[in-house]
Amino acid sequence: IWCLALLPVILHAAPLPKQFQNEHIIHCVKELGIEKDDMEKVMDENHHIVDGPVTRSLARCYFKEEGLFKNGEFVTETVVDFNTNVTVPFFKPEAQNPREVAERAFEVCKNVNDGDTGERLVHFSNCMISELQK
């Protein structure tokens, strides 16, 4: 879901973890012409997505490719499935019931509605990450 740091001010940037690298992210990176160096700065040291125009474009593409967001709405079941299988195991490997954790985090974050679609998706992702880090 996560792309590049667009602000040269970012001092503590991190690459996208391997768990989140799949054919959809590769497709979006190629389609958007994102450079490898930029992908190395997609997240901050706390694994939050660094917000900016390119990360927003990447989020729009990635959520579309994964089938997570359609017609301006989250596809609840697909989002929960993705987070159950990918995001929860990364952030909460000790979770006894990853689906329950994913559902709770989604309920907290699903109404994030900031700015345009890209900004909303970045903020939603960061909300989910924050919830899973609790």
C-alpha atoms as a PDB file:
ATOM      1  CA  ILE A   1       0.000   0.000   0.000  1.00  0.00           C
ATOM      2  CA  TRP A   2       3.018   2.339   0.520  1.00  0.00           C
ATOM      3  CA  CYS A   3       5.320   4.417  -1.581  1.00  0.00           C
ATOM      4  CA  LEU A   4       7.863   7.146  -1.232  1.00  0.00           C
ATOM      5  CA  ALA A   5       8.904   9.987   0.943  1.00  0.00           C
ATOM      6  CA  LEU A   6       8.341  13.129  -0.989  1.00  0.00           C
ATOM      7  CA  LEU A   7       9.743  15.578   1.460  1.00  0.00           C
ATOM      8  CA  PRO A   8      13.511  15.964   1.603  1.00  0.00           C
ATOM      9  CA  VAL A   9      13.028  16.814   5.264  1.00  0.00           C
ATOM     10  CA  ILE A  10      12.380  13.177   6.132  1.00  0.00           C
ATOM     11  CA  LEU A  11      15.313  11.952   8.179  1.00  0.00           C
ATOM     12  CA  HIS A  12      14.166   8.550   9.377  1.00  0.00           C
ATOM     13  CA  ALA A  13      12.687   6.778   6.391  1.00  0.00           C
ATOM     14  CA  ALA A  14      12.357   3.053   5.845  1.00  0.00           C
ATOM     15  CA  PRO A  15      11.627   0.796   2.873  1.00  0.00           C
ATOM     16  CA  LEU A  16       8.375  -1.054   2.343  1.00  0.00           C
ATOM     17  CA  PRO A  17       8.610  -4.350   4.292  1.00  0.00           C
ATOM     18  CA  LYS A  18       8.825  -7.485   2.144  1.00  0.00           C
ATOM     19  CA  GLN A  19       5.491  -8.741   3.520  1.00  0.00           C
ATOM     20  CA  PHE A  20       3.755  -5.941   1.625  1.00  0.00           C
ATOM     21  CA  GLN A  21       5.619  -6.403  -1.652  1.00  0.00           C
ATOM     22  CA  ASN A  22       3.558  -8.340  -4.175  1.00  0.00           C
ATOM     23  CA  GLU A  23       2.581  -8.233  -7.848  1.00  0.00           C
ATOM     24  CA  HIS A  24       0.121  -5.395  -7.205  1.00  0.00           C
ATOM     25  CA  ILE A  25       2.661  -3.075  -5.626  1.00  0.00           C
ATOM     26  CA  ILE A  26       5.185  -3.950  -8.350  1.00  0.00           C
ATOM     27  CA  HIS A  27       2.575  -3.136 -11.018  1.00  0.00           C
ATOM     28  CA  CYS A  28       1.778   0.219  -9.395  1.00  0.00           C
ATOM     29  CA  VAL A  29       5.422   1.180  -8.950  1.00  0.00           C
ATOM     30  CA  LYS A  30       6.062   0.472 -12.645  1.00  0.00           C
ATOM     31  CA  GLU A  31       2.846   2.134 -13.822  1.00  0.00           C
ATOM     32  CA  LEU A  32       3.582   5.281 -11.819  1.00  0.00           C
ATOM     33  CA  GLY A  33       7.300   5.316 -12.678  1.00  0.00           C
ATOM     34  CA  ILE A  34       8.410   5.368  -9.048  1.00  0.00           C
ATOM     35  CA  GLU A  35      12.157   5.083  -8.547  1.00  0.00           C
ATOM     36  CA  LYS A  36      13.769   2.427  -6.323  1.00  0.00           C
ATOM     37  CA  ASP A  37      15.378   5.111  -4.157  1.00  0.00           C
ATOM     38  CA  ASP A  38      11.945   6.564  -3.498  1.00  0.00           C
ATOM     39  CA  MET A  39      10.600   3.164  -2.447  1.00  0.00           C
ATOM     40  CA  GLU A  40      13.359   3.010   0.158  1.00  0.00           C
ATOM     41  CA  LYS A  41      11.703   5.966   1.910  1.00  0.00           C
ATOM     42  CA  VAL A  42       8.093   4.880   1.857  1.00  0.00           C
ATOM     43  CA  MET A  43       7.638   4.543   5.613  1.00  0.00           C
ATOM     44  CA  ASP A  44       8.933   6.289   8.687  1.00  0.00           C
ATOM     45  CA  GLU A  45      10.768   4.514  11.491  1.00  0.00           C
ATOM     46  CA  ASN A  46       7.414   3.524  13.046  1.00  0.00           C
ATOM     47  CA  HIS A  47       6.195   1.941   9.788  1.00  0.00           C
ATOM     48  CA  HIS A  48       3.723   4.732   9.055  1.00  0.00           C
ATOM     49  CA  ILE A  49       3.379   5.763   5.418  1.00  0.00           C
ATOM     50  CA  VAL A  50       5.057   9.059   4.656  1.00  0.00           C
ATOM     51  CA  ASP A  51       2.244  11.205   3.245  1.00  0.00           C
ATOM     52  CA  GLY A  52       2.697  13.094  -0.010  1.00  0.00           C
ATOM     53  CA  PRO A  53       1.568  13.233  -3.657  1.00  0.00           C
ATOM     54  CA  VAL A  54       3.441  10.127  -4.787  1.00  0.00           C
ATOM     55  CA  THR A  55       2.422   7.986  -1.808  1.00  0.00           C
ATOM     56  CA  ARG A  56      -1.157   9.054  -2.404  1.00  0.00           C
ATOM     57  CA  SER A  57      -0.927   7.999  -6.057  1.00  0.00           C
ATOM     58  CA  LEU A  58       0.610   4.701  -5.040  1.00  0.00           C
ATOM     59  CA  ALA A  59      -2.118   4.128  -2.435  1.00  0.00           C
ATOM     60  CA  ARG A  60      -4.858   4.814  -5.009  1.00  0.00           C
ATOM     61  CA  CYS A  61      -3.308   2.360  -7.461  1.00  0.00           C
ATOM     62  CA  TYR A  62      -2.550  -0.316  -4.861  1.00  0.00           C
ATOM     63  CA  PHE A  63      -5.970  -0.259  -3.198  1.00  0.00           C
ATOM     64  CA  LYS A  64      -7.576  -0.503  -6.653  1.00  0.00           C
ATOM     65  CA  GLU A  65      -5.331  -3.388  -7.749  1.00  0.00           C
ATOM     66  CA  GLU A  66      -5.956  -5.300  -4.498  1.00  0.00           C
ATOM     67  CA  GLY A  67      -9.717  -4.671  -4.776  1.00  0.00           C
ATOM     68  CA  LEU A  68      -9.734  -2.920  -1.398  1.00  0.00           C
ATOM     69  CA  PHE A  69     -11.466   0.296  -2.476  1.00  0.00           C
ATOM     70  CA  LYS A  70     -14.174   0.716  -5.132  1.00  0.00           C
ATOM     71  CA  ASN A  71     -16.508   3.572  -6.011  1.00  0.00           C
ATOM     72  CA  GLY A  72     -15.257   5.692  -3.134  1.00  0.00           C
ATOM     73  CA  GLU A  73     -15.833   3.006  -0.496  1.00  0.00           C
ATOM     74  CA  PHE A  74     -13.776   0.354   1.245  1.00  0.00           C
ATOM     75  CA  VAL A  75     -14.628  -3.217   0.269  1.00  0.00           C
ATOM     76  CA  THR A  76     -15.027  -4.382   3.852  1.00  0.00           C
ATOM     77  CA  GLU A  77     -14.564  -8.132   3.435  1.00  0.00           C
ATOM     78  CA  THR A  78     -11.548  -7.724   1.148  1.00  0.00           C
ATOM     79  CA  VAL A  79      -9.919  -5.170   3.459  1.00  0.00           C
ATOM     80  CA  VAL A  80     -10.475  -7.362   6.519  1.00  0.00           C
ATOM     81  CA  ASP A  81      -9.166 -10.447   4.668  1.00  0.00           C
ATOM     82  CA  PHE A  82      -6.052  -8.571   3.504  1.00  0.00           C
ATOM     83  CA  ASN A  83      -5.349  -7.268   6.990  1.00  0.00           C
ATOM     84  CA  THR A  84      -6.021 -10.684   8.552  1.00  0.00           C
ATOM     85  CA  ASN A  85      -3.519 -12.364   6.229  1.00  0.00           C
ATOM     86  CA  VAL A  86      -0.859  -9.673   5.774  1.00  0.00           C
ATOM     87  CA  THR A  87      -1.010  -6.674   8.074  1.00  0.00           C
ATOM     88  CA  VAL A  88      -1.958  -8.264  11.406  1.00  0.00           C
ATOM     89  CA  PRO A  89       0.728 -10.999  11.167  1.00  0.00           C
ATOM     90  CA  PHE A  90       3.341  -8.302  10.485  1.00  0.00           C
ATOM     91  CA  PHE A  91       2.348  -5.913  13.279  1.00  0.00           C
ATOM     92  CA  LYS A  92       0.836  -8.371  15.799  1.00  0.00           C
ATOM     93  CA  PRO A  93       2.360 -11.804  15.130  1.00  0.00           C
ATOM     94  CA  GLU A  94       1.255 -12.909  18.610  1.00  0.00           C
ATOM     95  CA  ALA A  95      -2.452 -12.306  17.868  1.00  0.00           C
ATOM     96  CA  GLN A  96      -4.548 -15.357  18.750  1.00  0.00           C
ATOM     97  CA  ASN A  97      -7.364 -14.307  16.404  1.00  0.00           C
ATOM     98  CA  PRO A  98      -5.955 -12.155  13.562  1.00  0.00           C
ATOM     99  CA  ARG A  99      -9.378 -11.712  11.938  1.00  0.00           C
ATOM    100  CA  GLU A 100     -10.884 -10.274  15.104  1.00  0.00           C
ATOM    101  CA  VAL A 101      -7.931  -7.884  15.426  1.00  0.00           C
ATOM    102  CA  ALA A 102      -8.329  -6.844  11.769  1.00  0.00           C
ATOM    103  CA  GLU A 103     -12.071  -6.302  12.174  1.00  0.00           C
ATOM    104  CA  ARG A 104     -11.616  -4.151  15.299  1.00  0.00           C
ATOM    105  CA  ALA A 105      -8.957  -1.993  13.634  1.00  0.00           C
ATOM    106  CA  PHE A 106     -11.103  -1.607  10.506  1.00  0.00           C
ATOM    107  CA  GLU A 107     -14.087  -0.465  12.595  1.00  0.00           C
ATOM    108  CA  VAL A 108     -11.942   2.252  14.180  1.00  0.00           C
ATOM    109  CA  CYS A 109     -10.403   3.427  10.895  1.00  0.00           C
ATOM    110  CA  LYS A 110     -13.051   2.913   8.196  1.00  0.00           C
ATOM    111  CA  ASN A 111     -14.509   6.406   8.521  1.00  0.00           C
ATOM    112  CA  VAL A 112     -11.244   8.261   7.971  1.00  0.00           C
ATOM    113  CA  ASN A 113     -12.298  10.747   5.322  1.00  0.00           C
ATOM    114  CA  ASP A 114      -9.528  13.283   4.839  1.00  0.00           C
ATOM    115  CA  GLY A 115      -8.989  15.131   1.578  1.00  0.00           C
ATOM    116  CA  ASP A 116      -8.919  13.351  -1.756  1.00  0.00           C
ATOM    117  CA  THR A 117      -8.938   9.587  -2.227  1.00  0.00           C
ATOM    118  CA  GLY A 118      -5.156   9.215  -2.046  1.00  0.00           C
ATOM    119  CA  GLU A 119      -4.926  11.194   1.174  1.00  0.00           C
ATOM    120  CA  ARG A 120      -7.822   9.217   2.651  1.00  0.00           C
ATOM    121  CA  LEU A 121      -6.148   5.896   1.801  1.00  0.00           C
ATOM    122  CA  VAL A 122      -2.801   6.954   3.275  1.00  0.00           C
ATOM    123  CA  HIS A 123      -4.509   8.185   6.455  1.00  0.00           C
ATOM    124  CA  PHE A 124      -6.617   5.004   6.647  1.00  0.00           C
ATOM    125  CA  SER A 125      -3.484   2.881   6.307  1.00  0.00           C
ATOM    126  CA  ASN A 126      -1.713   4.863   9.014  1.00  0.00           C
ATOM    127  CA  CYS A 127      -4.766   4.575  11.272  1.00  0.00           C
ATOM    128  CA  MET A 128      -4.741   0.792  10.806  1.00  0.00           C
ATOM    129  CA  ILE A 129      -1.021   0.660  11.555  1.00  0.00           C
ATOM    130  CA  SER A 130      -1.497   2.739  14.720  1.00  0.00           C
ATOM    131  CA  GLU A 131      -4.341   0.490  15.868  1.00  0.00           C
ATOM    132  CA  LEU A 132      -2.268  -2.629  15.280  1.00  0.00           C
ATOM    133  CA  GLN A 133       0.693  -1.195  17.162  1.00  0.00           C
ATOM    134  CA  LYS A 134      -1.368  -0.708  20.354  1.00  0.00           C
END
